[in-house]
N, C-alpha and C. Protein backbone atom coordinates (compact mmCIF):
# COMPACT_ATOMS: atom_id res chain seq x y z
N ALA A 1 0.82 -1.23 0.00
CA ALA A 1 -0.01 0.01 -0.02
C ALA A 1 0.83 1.26 0.00
N GLY A 2 2.12 1.15 0.37
CA GLY A 2 2.97 2.27 0.35
C GLY A 2 2.50 3.37 1.22
N ALA A 3 2.61 4.62 0.78
CA ALA A 3 2.17 5.79 1.56
C ALA A 3 0.63 5.80 1.84
N TYR A 4 -0.14 5.15 0.94
CA TYR A 4 -1.56 5.07 1.12
C TYR A 4 -1.95 4.33 2.46
N THR A 5 -1.03 3.56 2.98
CA THR A 5 -1.22 2.89 4.25
C THR A 5 -1.63 3.89 5.32
N HIS A 6 -1.08 5.07 5.29
CA HIS A 6 -1.23 6.03 6.35
C HIS A 6 -2.29 7.06 6.06
N THR A 7 -2.91 6.97 4.89
CA THR A 7 -3.82 8.05 4.44
C THR A 7 -5.17 7.60 3.89
N SER A 8 -5.30 6.35 3.52
CA SER A 8 -6.40 5.93 2.66
C SER A 8 -7.56 5.13 3.35
N ILE A 9 -8.67 5.83 3.65
CA ILE A 9 -9.82 5.10 4.10
C ILE A 9 -10.39 4.26 2.96
N ALA A 10 -10.29 4.82 1.72
CA ALA A 10 -10.77 4.05 0.52
C ALA A 10 -10.07 2.73 0.38
N LEU A 11 -8.80 2.69 0.68
CA LEU A 11 -8.05 1.42 0.60
C LEU A 11 -8.52 0.48 1.69
N GLN A 12 -8.80 0.96 2.89
CA GLN A 12 -9.33 0.18 3.96
C GLN A 12 -10.69 -0.43 3.62
N ASP A 13 -11.54 0.41 3.01
CA ASP A 13 -12.83 -0.13 2.53
C ASP A 13 -12.70 -1.23 1.53
N CYS A 14 -11.73 -1.06 0.57
CA CYS A 14 -11.47 -2.07 -0.45
C CYS A 14 -11.04 -3.38 0.21
N ILE A 15 -10.08 -3.32 1.15
CA ILE A 15 -9.64 -4.51 1.80
C ILE A 15 -10.79 -5.21 2.54
N ARG A 16 -11.63 -4.44 3.18
CA ARG A 16 -12.76 -5.03 3.90
C ARG A 16 -13.76 -5.72 3.00
N SER A 17 -13.77 -5.30 1.71
CA SER A 17 -14.69 -5.92 0.79
C SER A 17 -14.22 -7.26 0.24
N LEU A 18 -12.96 -7.58 0.42
CA LEU A 18 -12.37 -8.80 -0.08
C LEU A 18 -12.75 -9.98 0.81
N LYS A 19 -12.85 -11.12 0.16
CA LYS A 19 -13.12 -12.35 0.85
C LYS A 19 -11.83 -13.10 1.27
N SER A 20 -10.77 -12.79 0.59
CA SER A 20 -9.47 -13.45 0.86
C SER A 20 -8.72 -12.70 1.97
N PRO A 21 -7.86 -13.38 2.70
CA PRO A 21 -7.12 -12.69 3.78
C PRO A 21 -6.10 -11.77 3.22
N VAL A 22 -5.86 -10.68 3.95
CA VAL A 22 -4.89 -9.65 3.48
C VAL A 22 -3.96 -9.42 4.70
N ILE A 23 -2.68 -9.39 4.39
CA ILE A 23 -1.67 -9.06 5.42
C ILE A 23 -0.96 -7.75 5.03
N GLU A 24 -0.92 -6.78 5.92
CA GLU A 24 -0.17 -5.57 5.64
C GLU A 24 1.33 -5.85 5.72
N VAL A 25 2.07 -5.49 4.71
CA VAL A 25 3.47 -5.79 4.68
C VAL A 25 4.29 -4.49 4.45
N HIS A 26 5.34 -4.36 5.27
CA HIS A 26 6.29 -3.26 5.08
C HIS A 26 7.67 -3.82 5.05
N ILE A 27 8.47 -3.41 4.14
CA ILE A 27 9.90 -3.85 4.13
C ILE A 27 10.67 -3.30 5.29
N SER A 28 10.43 -2.00 5.61
CA SER A 28 11.11 -1.35 6.74
C SER A 28 10.30 -1.49 7.99
N ASN A 29 10.92 -1.22 9.09
CA ASN A 29 10.15 -1.10 10.38
C ASN A 29 9.62 0.29 10.46
N VAL A 30 8.36 0.40 10.16
CA VAL A 30 7.68 1.79 10.12
C VAL A 30 7.70 2.40 11.48
N HIS A 31 7.87 1.70 12.56
CA HIS A 31 7.89 2.26 13.88
C HIS A 31 9.20 2.89 14.25
N LYS A 32 10.18 2.72 13.42
CA LYS A 32 11.51 3.32 13.59
C LYS A 32 11.60 4.53 12.67
N ARG A 33 10.55 4.84 11.95
CA ARG A 33 10.56 5.95 10.99
C ARG A 33 9.80 7.13 11.50
N GLU A 34 9.42 8.05 10.66
CA GLU A 34 8.66 9.24 11.04
C GLU A 34 7.36 8.90 11.79
N GLU A 35 6.98 9.76 12.69
CA GLU A 35 5.79 9.56 13.57
C GLU A 35 4.52 9.28 12.71
N PHE A 36 4.33 9.99 11.56
CA PHE A 36 3.10 9.80 10.81
C PHE A 36 3.01 8.35 10.23
N ARG A 37 4.15 7.68 10.12
CA ARG A 37 4.09 6.31 9.63
C ARG A 37 3.67 5.27 10.70
N HIS A 38 3.56 5.71 11.92
CA HIS A 38 3.18 4.78 13.02
C HIS A 38 1.74 4.44 13.01
N LYS A 39 0.93 5.22 12.33
CA LYS A 39 -0.55 4.99 12.28
C LYS A 39 -0.93 4.46 10.88
N SER A 40 -1.54 3.24 10.90
CA SER A 40 -1.92 2.65 9.69
C SER A 40 -3.47 2.70 9.55
N MET A 41 -3.98 3.13 8.39
CA MET A 41 -5.40 3.19 8.17
C MET A 41 -5.91 1.86 7.70
N ILE A 42 -5.05 0.91 7.39
CA ILE A 42 -5.51 -0.35 6.80
C ILE A 42 -5.31 -1.56 7.74
N SER A 43 -4.48 -1.44 8.73
CA SER A 43 -4.18 -2.65 9.62
C SER A 43 -5.41 -3.16 10.24
N CYS A 44 -6.36 -2.32 10.58
CA CYS A 44 -7.61 -2.80 11.23
C CYS A 44 -8.47 -3.71 10.30
N ALA A 45 -8.21 -3.62 9.01
CA ALA A 45 -8.93 -4.39 8.03
C ALA A 45 -8.12 -5.65 7.61
N CYS A 46 -6.87 -5.79 8.07
CA CYS A 46 -6.02 -6.87 7.65
C CYS A 46 -5.97 -7.99 8.74
N LEU A 47 -5.61 -9.16 8.31
CA LEU A 47 -5.42 -10.25 9.16
C LEU A 47 -4.27 -10.06 10.12
N GLY A 48 -3.25 -9.42 9.60
CA GLY A 48 -2.06 -9.14 10.46
C GLY A 48 -1.12 -8.15 9.76
N VAL A 49 -0.09 -7.79 10.41
CA VAL A 49 0.95 -6.85 9.94
C VAL A 49 2.31 -7.46 10.10
N ILE A 50 3.15 -7.36 9.05
CA ILE A 50 4.52 -7.81 9.07
C ILE A 50 5.36 -6.58 8.62
N CYS A 51 6.36 -6.23 9.44
CA CYS A 51 7.21 -5.12 9.00
C CYS A 51 8.65 -5.31 9.58
N GLY A 52 9.58 -4.73 8.82
CA GLY A 52 10.93 -4.63 9.32
C GLY A 52 11.87 -5.80 9.00
N PHE A 53 11.41 -6.74 8.16
CA PHE A 53 12.27 -7.87 7.82
C PHE A 53 12.75 -7.82 6.41
N GLY A 54 12.83 -6.60 5.82
CA GLY A 54 13.33 -6.45 4.46
C GLY A 54 12.47 -7.21 3.44
N MET A 55 13.04 -7.71 2.40
CA MET A 55 12.24 -8.46 1.45
C MET A 55 11.69 -9.77 1.97
N ASP A 56 12.26 -10.25 3.11
CA ASP A 56 11.68 -11.42 3.77
C ASP A 56 10.27 -11.19 4.30
N SER A 57 9.95 -9.93 4.49
CA SER A 57 8.56 -9.59 4.92
C SER A 57 7.49 -10.20 4.01
N TYR A 58 7.74 -10.15 2.68
CA TYR A 58 6.82 -10.72 1.74
C TYR A 58 6.72 -12.22 1.88
N ARG A 59 7.85 -12.86 2.05
CA ARG A 59 7.89 -14.33 2.24
C ARG A 59 7.12 -14.76 3.46
N LEU A 60 7.39 -13.95 4.54
CA LEU A 60 6.69 -14.31 5.87
C LEU A 60 5.20 -14.18 5.65
N ALA A 61 4.76 -13.14 4.94
CA ALA A 61 3.34 -12.92 4.74
C ALA A 61 2.74 -14.10 3.94
N LEU A 62 3.39 -14.52 2.95
CA LEU A 62 2.94 -15.61 2.07
C LEU A 62 2.82 -16.88 2.89
N GLU A 63 3.85 -17.16 3.71
CA GLU A 63 3.87 -18.34 4.52
C GLU A 63 2.68 -18.35 5.54
N ALA A 64 2.38 -17.14 6.05
CA ALA A 64 1.25 -16.96 7.07
C ALA A 64 -0.05 -17.28 6.33
N ILE A 65 -0.19 -16.78 5.15
CA ILE A 65 -1.47 -17.03 4.41
C ILE A 65 -1.59 -18.51 3.99
N LYS A 66 -0.46 -19.04 3.61
CA LYS A 66 -0.41 -20.50 3.25
C LYS A 66 -0.82 -21.39 4.43
N ALA A 67 -0.47 -20.95 5.59
CA ALA A 67 -0.69 -21.77 6.84
C ALA A 67 -2.17 -21.74 7.26
N LEU A 68 -2.97 -20.86 6.69
CA LEU A 68 -4.36 -20.75 7.07
C LEU A 68 -5.20 -21.96 6.68
C-alpha cells in the first residue's frame, strides 16, 4: 500500500470488501521511521501486519497465508 497505508480510508474499505485474507507488509520497520508512519489506516482491516524484515517480509506474509 505504500504511503496510502497512512492516509487511505478508501483502501481500507477495499480490503474489507475482499473475501481473501490480507496481510499488511512493510519492508522497513515503520515504527522506527517518522511519527506519521506509526498509524496505519488499513491494519484494522487486515489479518495481520509484518514489518521490518526487508524483502523477507513478503515471504513471511505468504507463509502466514499459506498456513491458514
